[in-house]
Amino acid sequence: MTADYITGFFFEAIKVTLLLSAPMLLAGLLVGLLVSIFQSVTSINEMTLTFIPKMLAVALALVFSFPWMMQTLVSFTEQMFAGMNQYIR
């Protein structure tokens, strides 16, 4: 097991983590931005108004991107197990 292999493995793990979290984070960011613009325009300063739309957006993003997320995670896991002989040496 070389330092290049370990570095590549951690790079791939971080890349997969960012890819898997991106749909939910982007949905929450977009909905939060839209709600804050709505609050600025209407002068409604209700703090709880942001939570429900964000939770719904994140849940919908999870539901719609879940098959892709599972495929990405399964392929990463398969690649990890395929390279298991590198771990043993």
C-alpha atoms as a PDB file:
ATOM      1  CA  MET A   1       0.000   0.000   0.000  1.00  0.00           C
ATOM      2  CA  THR A   2       1.682   3.157  -1.193  1.00  0.00           C
ATOM      3  CA  ALA A   3       1.126   6.753  -0.212  1.00  0.00           C
ATOM      4  CA  ASP A   4      -0.252   7.463  -3.693  1.00  0.00           C
ATOM      5  CA  TYR A   5      -2.858   4.742  -3.294  1.00  0.00           C
ATOM      6  CA  ILE A   6      -3.951   6.048   0.105  1.00  0.00           C
ATOM      7  CA  THR A   7      -4.118   9.611  -1.191  1.00  0.00           C
ATOM      8  CA  GLY A   8      -6.161   8.503  -4.208  1.00  0.00           C
ATOM      9  CA  PHE A   9      -8.518   6.504  -2.012  1.00  0.00           C
ATOM     10  CA  PHE A  10      -9.157   9.440   0.316  1.00  0.00           C
ATOM     11  CA  PHE A  11      -9.614  11.771  -2.641  1.00  0.00           C
ATOM     12  CA  GLU A  12     -12.251   9.437  -4.107  1.00  0.00           C
ATOM     13  CA  ALA A  13     -13.956   9.083  -0.707  1.00  0.00           C
ATOM     14  CA  ILE A  14     -14.174  12.862  -0.278  1.00  0.00           C
ATOM     15  CA  LYS A  15     -15.394  13.260  -3.869  1.00  0.00           C
ATOM     16  CA  VAL A  16     -18.149  10.684  -3.332  1.00  0.00           C
ATOM     17  CA  THR A  17     -19.132  12.348  -0.054  1.00  0.00           C
ATOM     18  CA  LEU A  18     -19.443  15.736  -1.725  1.00  0.00           C
ATOM     19  CA  LEU A  19     -21.407  14.267  -4.638  1.00  0.00           C
ATOM     20  CA  LEU A  20     -23.834  12.495  -2.322  1.00  0.00           C
ATOM     21  CA  SER A  21     -24.469  15.529  -0.151  1.00  0.00           C
ATOM     22  CA  ALA A  22     -24.725  18.075  -2.981  1.00  0.00           C
ATOM     23  CA  PRO A  23     -28.395  17.579  -4.001  1.00  0.00           C
ATOM     24  CA  MET A  24     -29.726  18.111  -0.483  1.00  0.00           C
ATOM     25  CA  LEU A  25     -27.405  21.015   0.261  1.00  0.00           C
ATOM     26  CA  LEU A  26     -28.225  22.775  -2.996  1.00  0.00           C
ATOM     27  CA  ALA A  27     -31.969  22.291  -2.493  1.00  0.00           C
ATOM     28  CA  GLY A  28     -31.769  23.717   1.024  1.00  0.00           C
ATOM     29  CA  LEU A  29     -29.639  26.608  -0.185  1.00  0.00           C
ATOM     30  CA  LEU A  30     -31.967  27.470  -3.057  1.00  0.00           C
ATOM     31  CA  VAL A  31     -35.137  27.289  -0.966  1.00  0.00           C
ATOM     32  CA  GLY A  32     -33.515  29.244   1.856  1.00  0.00           C
ATOM     33  CA  LEU A  33     -32.497  31.963  -0.580  1.00  0.00           C
ATOM     34  CA  LEU A  34     -35.981  32.142  -2.094  1.00  0.00           C
ATOM     35  CA  VAL A  35     -37.638  32.287   1.332  1.00  0.00           C
ATOM     36  CA  SER A  36     -35.264  35.003   2.520  1.00  0.00           C
ATOM     37  CA  ILE A  37     -35.976  37.057  -0.622  1.00  0.00           C
ATOM     38  CA  PHE A  38     -39.706  36.560  -0.004  1.00  0.00           C
ATOM     39  CA  GLN A  39     -39.283  37.670   3.609  1.00  0.00           C
ATOM     40  CA  SER A  40     -37.330  40.748   2.548  1.00  0.00           C
ATOM     41  CA  VAL A  41     -39.921  41.758  -0.015  1.00  0.00           C
ATOM     42  CA  THR A  42     -42.925  41.253   2.240  1.00  0.00           C
ATOM     43  CA  SER A  43     -41.242  42.357   5.505  1.00  0.00           C
ATOM     44  CA  ILE A  44     -42.338  39.148   7.202  1.00  0.00           C
ATOM     45  CA  ASN A  45     -39.696  38.343   9.806  1.00  0.00           C
ATOM     46  CA  GLU A  46     -40.974  35.002  11.019  1.00  0.00           C
ATOM     47  CA  MET A  47     -38.042  32.765  11.930  1.00  0.00           C
ATOM     48  CA  THR A  48     -40.000  29.538  11.677  1.00  0.00           C
ATOM     49  CA  LEU A  49     -41.044  30.271   8.086  1.00  0.00           C
ATOM     50  CA  THR A  50     -37.698  29.064   6.750  1.00  0.00           C
ATOM     51  CA  PHE A  51     -37.628  25.651   8.408  1.00  0.00           C
ATOM     52  CA  ILE A  52     -40.640  23.908   6.856  1.00  0.00           C
ATOM     53  CA  PRO A  53     -39.861  24.754   3.198  1.00  0.00           C
ATOM     54  CA  LYS A  54     -36.214  23.805   3.696  1.00  0.00           C
ATOM     55  CA  MET A  55     -37.117  20.480   5.279  1.00  0.00           C
ATOM     56  CA  LEU A  56     -39.553  19.719   2.466  1.00  0.00           C
ATOM     57  CA  ALA A  57     -37.013  20.682  -0.206  1.00  0.00           C
ATOM     58  CA  VAL A  58     -34.295  18.536   1.353  1.00  0.00           C
ATOM     59  CA  ALA A  59     -36.694  15.592   1.696  1.00  0.00           C
ATOM     60  CA  LEU A  60     -37.802  15.931  -1.940  1.00  0.00           C
ATOM     61  CA  ALA A  61     -34.199  16.198  -3.103  1.00  0.00           C
ATOM     62  CA  LEU A  62     -33.406  13.046  -1.152  1.00  0.00           C
ATOM     63  CA  VAL A  63     -36.366  11.167  -2.614  1.00  0.00           C
ATOM     64  CA  PHE A  64     -35.592  12.143  -6.207  1.00  0.00           C
ATOM     65  CA  SER A  65     -31.813  11.692  -6.015  1.00  0.00           C
ATOM     66  CA  PHE A  66     -31.808   8.529  -3.884  1.00  0.00           C
ATOM     67  CA  PRO A  67     -31.486   6.046  -6.789  1.00  0.00           C
ATOM     68  CA  TRP A  68     -28.524   7.962  -8.200  1.00  0.00           C
ATOM     69  CA  MET A  69     -26.997   8.244  -4.735  1.00  0.00           C
ATOM     70  CA  MET A  70     -27.295   4.513  -4.144  1.00  0.00           C
ATOM     71  CA  GLN A  71     -25.780   3.727  -7.549  1.00  0.00           C
ATOM     72  CA  THR A  72     -22.835   6.029  -6.796  1.00  0.00           C
ATOM     73  CA  LEU A  73     -22.314   4.528  -3.359  1.00  0.00           C
ATOM     74  CA  VAL A  74     -22.567   0.954  -4.638  1.00  0.00           C
ATOM     75  CA  SER A  75     -20.061   1.594  -7.423  1.00  0.00           C
ATOM     76  CA  PHE A  76     -17.630   3.192  -4.958  1.00  0.00           C
ATOM     77  CA  THR A  77     -18.018   0.225  -2.613  1.00  0.00           C
ATOM     78  CA  GLU A  78     -17.491  -2.246  -5.461  1.00  0.00           C
ATOM     79  CA  GLN A  79     -14.321  -0.432  -6.479  1.00  0.00           C
ATOM     80  CA  MET A  80     -13.136  -0.471  -2.894  1.00  0.00           C
ATOM     81  CA  PHE A  81     -13.702  -4.222  -2.560  1.00  0.00           C
ATOM     82  CA  ALA A  82     -12.148  -4.873  -5.963  1.00  0.00           C
ATOM     83  CA  GLY A  83      -8.981  -3.152  -4.767  1.00  0.00           C
ATOM     84  CA  MET A  84      -8.951  -5.061  -1.481  1.00  0.00           C
ATOM     85  CA  ASN A  85      -5.770  -6.898  -2.439  1.00  0.00           C
ATOM     86  CA  GLN A  86      -3.999  -3.517  -2.262  1.00  0.00           C
ATOM     87  CA  TYR A  87      -5.030  -3.198   1.379  1.00  0.00           C
ATOM     88  CA  ILE A  88      -3.559  -6.573   2.346  1.00  0.00           C
ATOM     89  CA  ARG A  89      -0.116  -6.005   0.893  1.00  0.00           C
END
